[in-house]
Amino acid sequence: MTKHKDLDLLEDVPHQELEWKLEWAGWALMGVLFIGNLLGFFGRGLFNDARLGEPGAALQVDYQKRERYKAVSFFDLHIDADVAGTSPRLTLGSDFLNKVRITEISPEPVAVHAGAGRQIYQFSALAGEPVDVRIFYEPFEAGFSTTRVGLEGSVEYEFRQFFFP
C-alpha cells in the first residue's frame, strides 16, 4: 500500500487492478449468459426450437429441445388432412409419460387407450380438415428424456429433450 501525496488515503494499485479485471470478467460472463438466453440456449428461442416432419408430412411435431423441470411446457402436433380422416390416433411413448405429468391436451381426445409401451389418444376430426393438437406437460424429473410420438398406422418420431433442474 502506498500513501497518496496530498490526501490522507491509502492506495493499493495492484489490488484495484485485480478488482477491475474481476469486474470486467463478471460483466463479460453476464453478457454471454444474456445473449445465450436470447438465442434460446436456456429456454425458448432460436436455437431451442425444433421441428420433426417436413411440410406436408402426415405428422409434424414442434417442440423445445430444452425445458424447465417442474414448469409447464408444451409441444404441438399437426396431422395432415389427407391422413387424419375422422378419428386420428396419436401415440406417446411410455418413456416420456414416466417422466412427465400431462396437464392438458387441446383439443381433448375422444378416447385414451393403453398400448404396449405407449398410450394412444384418439381425436375427433372433420373429414378433409387437418388436426392441430397441443399437449401441455410438467416434467417431474430433471435430465434427458427421450420422447416417441407418432400417428398410429403411419409415422413415428423420436426426439430428445433436456429438462433443466
C-alpha atoms as a PDB file:
ATOM      1  CA  MET A   1       0.000   0.000   0.000  1.00  0.00           C
ATOM      2  CA  THR A   2       1.110   3.468  -0.776  1.00  0.00           C
ATOM      3  CA  LYS A   3       0.060   6.727   0.725  1.00  0.00           C
ATOM      4  CA  HIS A   4      -1.364   9.376  -1.565  1.00  0.00           C
ATOM      5  CA  LYS A   5       0.796  12.547  -1.616  1.00  0.00           C
ATOM      6  CA  ASP A   6      -1.714  15.256  -0.949  1.00  0.00           C
ATOM      7  CA  LEU A   7      -4.534  13.293   0.709  1.00  0.00           C
ATOM      8  CA  ASP A   8      -4.691  11.133   3.759  1.00  0.00           C
ATOM      9  CA  LEU A   9      -5.539   7.984   1.667  1.00  0.00           C
ATOM     10  CA  LEU A  10      -4.003   4.598   1.353  1.00  0.00           C
ATOM     11  CA  GLU A  11      -3.848   3.117  -2.166  1.00  0.00           C
ATOM     12  CA  ASP A  12      -3.319  -0.482  -3.205  1.00  0.00           C
ATOM     13  CA  VAL A  13      -2.995  -0.236  -7.009  1.00  0.00           C
ATOM     14  CA  PRO A  14      -2.321  -3.967  -7.673  1.00  0.00           C
ATOM     15  CA  HIS A  15      -5.431  -4.879  -5.653  1.00  0.00           C
ATOM     16  CA  GLN A  16      -7.526  -2.283  -7.522  1.00  0.00           C
ATOM     17  CA  GLU A  17      -6.313  -3.637 -10.886  1.00  0.00           C
ATOM     18  CA  LEU A  18      -7.259  -7.173  -9.837  1.00  0.00           C
ATOM     19  CA  GLU A  19     -10.727  -5.942  -8.799  1.00  0.00           C
ATOM     20  CA  TRP A  20     -11.180  -4.222 -12.174  1.00  0.00           C
ATOM     21  CA  LYS A  21     -10.206  -7.399 -14.065  1.00  0.00           C
ATOM     22  CA  LEU A  22     -12.637  -9.471 -11.985  1.00  0.00           C
ATOM     23  CA  GLU A  23     -15.382  -6.907 -12.541  1.00  0.00           C
ATOM     24  CA  TRP A  24     -14.832  -6.982 -16.322  1.00  0.00           C
ATOM     25  CA  ALA A  25     -14.816 -10.794 -16.279  1.00  0.00           C
ATOM     26  CA  GLY A  26     -18.141 -10.731 -14.397  1.00  0.00           C
ATOM     27  CA  TRP A  27     -19.660  -8.320 -16.935  1.00  0.00           C
ATOM     28  CA  ALA A  28     -18.399 -10.479 -19.820  1.00  0.00           C
ATOM     29  CA  LEU A  29     -19.901 -13.617 -18.235  1.00  0.00           C
ATOM     30  CA  MET A  30     -23.252 -11.858 -17.715  1.00  0.00           C
ATOM     31  CA  GLY A  31     -23.176 -10.709 -21.353  1.00  0.00           C
ATOM     32  CA  VAL A  32     -22.521 -14.245 -22.611  1.00  0.00           C
ATOM     33  CA  LEU A  33     -25.341 -15.623 -20.445  1.00  0.00           C
ATOM     34  CA  PHE A  34     -27.713 -12.869 -21.598  1.00  0.00           C
ATOM     35  CA  ILE A  35     -27.010 -13.483 -25.294  1.00  0.00           C
ATOM     36  CA  GLY A  36     -27.203 -17.255 -24.777  1.00  0.00           C
ATOM     37  CA  ASN A  37     -30.602 -16.800 -23.170  1.00  0.00           C
ATOM     38  CA  LEU A  38     -31.816 -14.615 -26.046  1.00  0.00           C
ATOM     39  CA  LEU A  39     -30.689 -17.232 -28.558  1.00  0.00           C
ATOM     40  CA  GLY A  40     -32.502 -19.991 -26.700  1.00  0.00           C
ATOM     41  CA  PHE A  41     -29.744 -21.959 -25.016  1.00  0.00           C
ATOM     42  CA  PHE A  42     -31.631 -21.856 -21.701  1.00  0.00           C
ATOM     43  CA  GLY A  43     -35.256 -21.852 -22.850  1.00  0.00           C
ATOM     44  CA  ARG A  44     -37.415 -20.713 -25.749  1.00  0.00           C
ATOM     45  CA  GLY A  45     -35.517 -19.146 -28.616  1.00  0.00           C
ATOM     46  CA  LEU A  46     -33.767 -19.543 -31.929  1.00  0.00           C
ATOM     47  CA  PHE A  47     -31.522 -22.496 -31.023  1.00  0.00           C
ATOM     48  CA  ASN A  48     -34.108 -24.253 -28.852  1.00  0.00           C
ATOM     49  CA  ASP A  49     -36.981 -24.622 -31.318  1.00  0.00           C
ATOM     50  CA  ALA A  50     -37.120 -27.898 -33.227  1.00  0.00           C
ATOM     51  CA  ARG A  51     -39.442 -29.449 -35.786  1.00  0.00           C
ATOM     52  CA  LEU A  52     -39.841 -33.028 -36.918  1.00  0.00           C
ATOM     53  CA  GLY A  53     -41.527 -33.784 -40.217  1.00  0.00           C
ATOM     54  CA  GLU A  54     -41.433 -31.837 -43.448  1.00  0.00           C
ATOM     55  CA  PRO A  55     -44.294 -29.538 -44.507  1.00  0.00           C
ATOM     56  CA  GLY A  56     -46.971 -31.757 -45.984  1.00  0.00           C
ATOM     57  CA  ALA A  57     -45.851 -34.813 -43.976  1.00  0.00           C
ATOM     58  CA  ALA A  58     -48.502 -36.937 -42.275  1.00  0.00           C
ATOM     59  CA  LEU A  59     -47.351 -35.662 -38.856  1.00  0.00           C
ATOM     60  CA  GLN A  60     -45.299 -32.641 -37.824  1.00  0.00           C
ATOM     61  CA  VAL A  61     -44.032 -32.091 -34.276  1.00  0.00           C
ATOM     62  CA  ASP A  62     -42.881 -28.710 -32.913  1.00  0.00           C
ATOM     63  CA  TYR A  63     -41.061 -28.922 -29.578  1.00  0.00           C
ATOM     64  CA  GLN A  64     -38.370 -27.307 -27.436  1.00  0.00           C
ATOM     65  CA  LYS A  65     -35.027 -29.084 -27.008  1.00  0.00           C
ATOM     66  CA  ARG A  66     -34.527 -27.700 -23.500  1.00  0.00           C
ATOM     67  CA  GLU A  67     -37.257 -27.147 -20.928  1.00  0.00           C
ATOM     68  CA  ARG A  68     -37.509 -26.321 -17.231  1.00  0.00           C
ATOM     69  CA  TYR A  69     -38.047 -29.009 -14.622  1.00  0.00           C
ATOM     70  CA  LYS A  70     -41.392 -28.576 -12.796  1.00  0.00           C
ATOM     71  CA  ALA A  71     -42.539 -25.889 -15.263  1.00  0.00           C
ATOM     72  CA  VAL A  72     -45.488 -26.444 -17.588  1.00  0.00           C
ATOM     73  CA  SER A  73     -44.282 -26.893 -21.162  1.00  0.00           C
ATOM     74  CA  PHE A  74     -45.941 -27.974 -24.374  1.00  0.00           C
ATOM     75  CA  PHE A  75     -45.379 -29.379 -27.816  1.00  0.00           C
ATOM     76  CA  ASP A  76     -47.536 -29.048 -30.922  1.00  0.00           C
ATOM     77  CA  LEU A  77     -48.600 -31.796 -33.306  1.00  0.00           C
ATOM     78  CA  HIS A  78     -50.015 -31.136 -36.760  1.00  0.00           C
ATOM     79  CA  ILE A  79     -51.778 -34.008 -38.511  1.00  0.00           C
ATOM     80  CA  ASP A  80     -52.185 -33.606 -42.278  1.00  0.00           C
ATOM     81  CA  ALA A  81     -55.764 -33.524 -43.606  1.00  0.00           C
ATOM     82  CA  ASP A  82     -55.192 -36.394 -46.069  1.00  0.00           C
ATOM     83  CA  VAL A  83     -54.106 -38.737 -43.260  1.00  0.00           C
ATOM     84  CA  ALA A  84     -56.300 -37.510 -40.407  1.00  0.00           C
ATOM     85  CA  GLY A  85     -59.616 -38.962 -41.541  1.00  0.00           C
ATOM     86  CA  THR A  86     -62.355 -38.571 -38.934  1.00  0.00           C
ATOM     87  CA  SER A  87     -60.581 -40.207 -35.962  1.00  0.00           C
ATOM     88  CA  PRO A  88     -56.778 -39.811 -35.982  1.00  0.00           C
ATOM     89  CA  ARG A  89     -54.915 -41.713 -33.270  1.00  0.00           C
ATOM     90  CA  LEU A  90     -51.726 -40.256 -31.786  1.00  0.00           C
ATOM     91  CA  THR A  91     -49.286 -42.370 -29.795  1.00  0.00           C
ATOM     92  CA  LEU A  92     -46.989 -41.227 -26.969  1.00  0.00           C
ATOM     93  CA  GLY A  93     -44.201 -43.472 -25.673  1.00  0.00           C
ATOM     94  CA  SER A  94     -44.194 -44.590 -22.055  1.00  0.00           C
ATOM     95  CA  ASP A  95     -40.592 -43.387 -21.512  1.00  0.00           C
ATOM     96  CA  PHE A  96     -41.820 -39.812 -21.846  1.00  0.00           C
ATOM     97  CA  LEU A  97     -45.015 -40.449 -19.878  1.00  0.00           C
ATOM     98  CA  ASN A  98     -42.986 -41.855 -16.973  1.00  0.00           C
ATOM     99  CA  LYS A  99     -41.054 -38.564 -16.646  1.00  0.00           C
ATOM    100  CA  VAL A 100     -43.862 -36.037 -17.055  1.00  0.00           C
ATOM    101  CA  ARG A 101     -47.370 -35.293 -15.909  1.00  0.00           C
ATOM    102  CA  ILE A 102     -49.745 -34.419 -18.748  1.00  0.00           C
ATOM    103  CA  THR A 103     -51.661 -31.340 -17.575  1.00  0.00           C
ATOM    104  CA  GLU A 104     -53.832 -30.656 -20.627  1.00  0.00           C
ATOM    105  CA  ILE A 105     -54.419 -31.825 -24.178  1.00  0.00           C
ATOM    106  CA  SER A 106     -56.119 -29.444 -26.565  1.00  0.00           C
ATOM    107  CA  PRO A 107     -58.439 -30.421 -28.195  1.00  0.00           C
ATOM    108  CA  GLU A 108     -59.440 -33.083 -25.705  1.00  0.00           C
ATOM    109  CA  PRO A 109     -59.111 -36.628 -27.003  1.00  0.00           C
ATOM    110  CA  VAL A 110     -62.301 -38.611 -27.508  1.00  0.00           C
ATOM    111  CA  ALA A 111     -60.662 -41.732 -26.065  1.00  0.00           C
ATOM    112  CA  VAL A 112     -57.378 -42.800 -24.470  1.00  0.00           C
ATOM    113  CA  HIS A 113     -56.094 -46.363 -24.759  1.00  0.00           C
ATOM    114  CA  ALA A 114     -53.076 -48.066 -23.214  1.00  0.00           C
ATOM    115  CA  GLY A 115     -50.863 -49.966 -25.635  1.00  0.00           C
ATOM    116  CA  ALA A 116     -47.580 -51.852 -25.385  1.00  0.00           C
ATOM    117  CA  GLY A 117     -45.111 -49.214 -24.153  1.00  0.00           C
ATOM    118  CA  ARG A 118     -47.320 -46.319 -25.232  1.00  0.00           C
ATOM    119  CA  GLN A 119     -50.618 -44.530 -24.824  1.00  0.00           C
ATOM    120  CA  ILE A 120     -52.949 -43.910 -27.745  1.00  0.00           C
ATOM    121  CA  TYR A 121     -55.003 -40.720 -27.924  1.00  0.00           C
ATOM    122  CA  GLN A 122     -57.938 -40.724 -30.332  1.00  0.00           C
ATOM    123  CA  PHE A 123     -59.314 -37.430 -31.619  1.00  0.00           C
ATOM    124  CA  SER A 124     -62.434 -36.434 -33.471  1.00  0.00           C
ATOM    125  CA  ALA A 125     -61.934 -34.507 -36.721  1.00  0.00           C
ATOM    126  CA  LEU A 126     -63.865 -33.260 -39.693  1.00  0.00           C
ATOM    127  CA  ALA A 127     -63.069 -35.197 -42.883  1.00  0.00           C
ATOM    128  CA  GLY A 128     -60.545 -33.354 -45.025  1.00  0.00           C
ATOM    129  CA  GLU A 129     -59.501 -30.975 -42.221  1.00  0.00           C
ATOM    130  CA  PRO A 130     -56.047 -31.005 -40.586  1.00  0.00           C
ATOM    131  CA  VAL A 131     -55.850 -31.574 -36.844  1.00  0.00           C
ATOM    132  CA  ASP A 132     -53.670 -29.423 -34.566  1.00  0.00           C
ATOM    133  CA  VAL A 133     -53.026 -30.816 -31.089  1.00  0.00           C
ATOM    134  CA  ARG A 134     -51.177 -29.116 -28.232  1.00  0.00           C
ATOM    135  CA  ILE A 135     -50.010 -31.278 -25.333  1.00  0.00           C
ATOM    136  CA  PHE A 136     -49.131 -29.476 -22.084  1.00  0.00           C
ATOM    137  CA  TYR A 137     -46.930 -31.335 -19.625  1.00  0.00           C
ATOM    138  CA  GLU A 138     -44.892 -30.802 -16.477  1.00  0.00           C
ATOM    139  CA  PRO A 139     -41.598 -32.694 -16.114  1.00  0.00           C
ATOM    140  CA  PHE A 140     -41.059 -34.125 -12.641  1.00  0.00           C
ATOM    141  CA  GLU A 141     -37.518 -35.377 -13.295  1.00  0.00           C
ATOM    142  CA  ALA A 142     -34.527 -33.309 -14.362  1.00  0.00           C
ATOM    143  CA  GLY A 143     -32.187 -34.606 -17.047  1.00  0.00           C
ATOM    144  CA  PHE A 144     -32.550 -36.083 -20.514  1.00  0.00           C
ATOM    145  CA  SER A 145     -35.800 -37.553 -21.795  1.00  0.00           C
ATOM    146  CA  THR A 146     -36.477 -39.484 -24.977  1.00  0.00           C
ATOM    147  CA  THR A 147     -39.913 -38.940 -26.462  1.00  0.00           C
ATOM    148  CA  ARG A 148     -41.594 -41.160 -29.022  1.00  0.00           C
ATOM    149  CA  VAL A 149     -44.636 -39.667 -30.694  1.00  0.00           C
ATOM    150  CA  GLY A 150     -46.432 -40.950 -33.742  1.00  0.00           C
ATOM    151  CA  LEU A 151     -49.539 -41.328 -35.792  1.00  0.00           C
ATOM    152  CA  GLU A 152     -50.879 -44.849 -35.497  1.00  0.00           C
ATOM    153  CA  GLY A 153     -50.517 -46.730 -38.763  1.00  0.00           C
ATOM    154  CA  SER A 154     -48.319 -44.039 -40.299  1.00  0.00           C
ATOM    155  CA  VAL A 155     -45.188 -42.359 -38.939  1.00  0.00           C
ATOM    156  CA  GLU A 156     -43.384 -42.305 -35.576  1.00  0.00           C
ATOM    157  CA  TYR A 157     -40.699 -39.857 -34.442  1.00  0.00           C
ATOM    158  CA  GLU A 158     -38.244 -39.991 -31.579  1.00  0.00           C
ATOM    159  CA  PHE A 159     -36.570 -36.926 -30.077  1.00  0.00           C
ATOM    160  CA  ARG A 160     -34.533 -35.994 -27.002  1.00  0.00           C
ATOM    161  CA  GLN A 161     -35.156 -33.143 -24.613  1.00  0.00           C
ATOM    162  CA  PHE A 162     -33.256 -31.868 -21.610  1.00  0.00           C
ATOM    163  CA  PHE A 163     -35.099 -30.697 -18.508  1.00  0.00           C
ATOM    164  CA  PHE A 164     -33.082 -28.124 -16.544  1.00  0.00           C
ATOM    165  CA  PRO A 165     -33.064 -28.694 -12.769  1.00  0.00           C
END
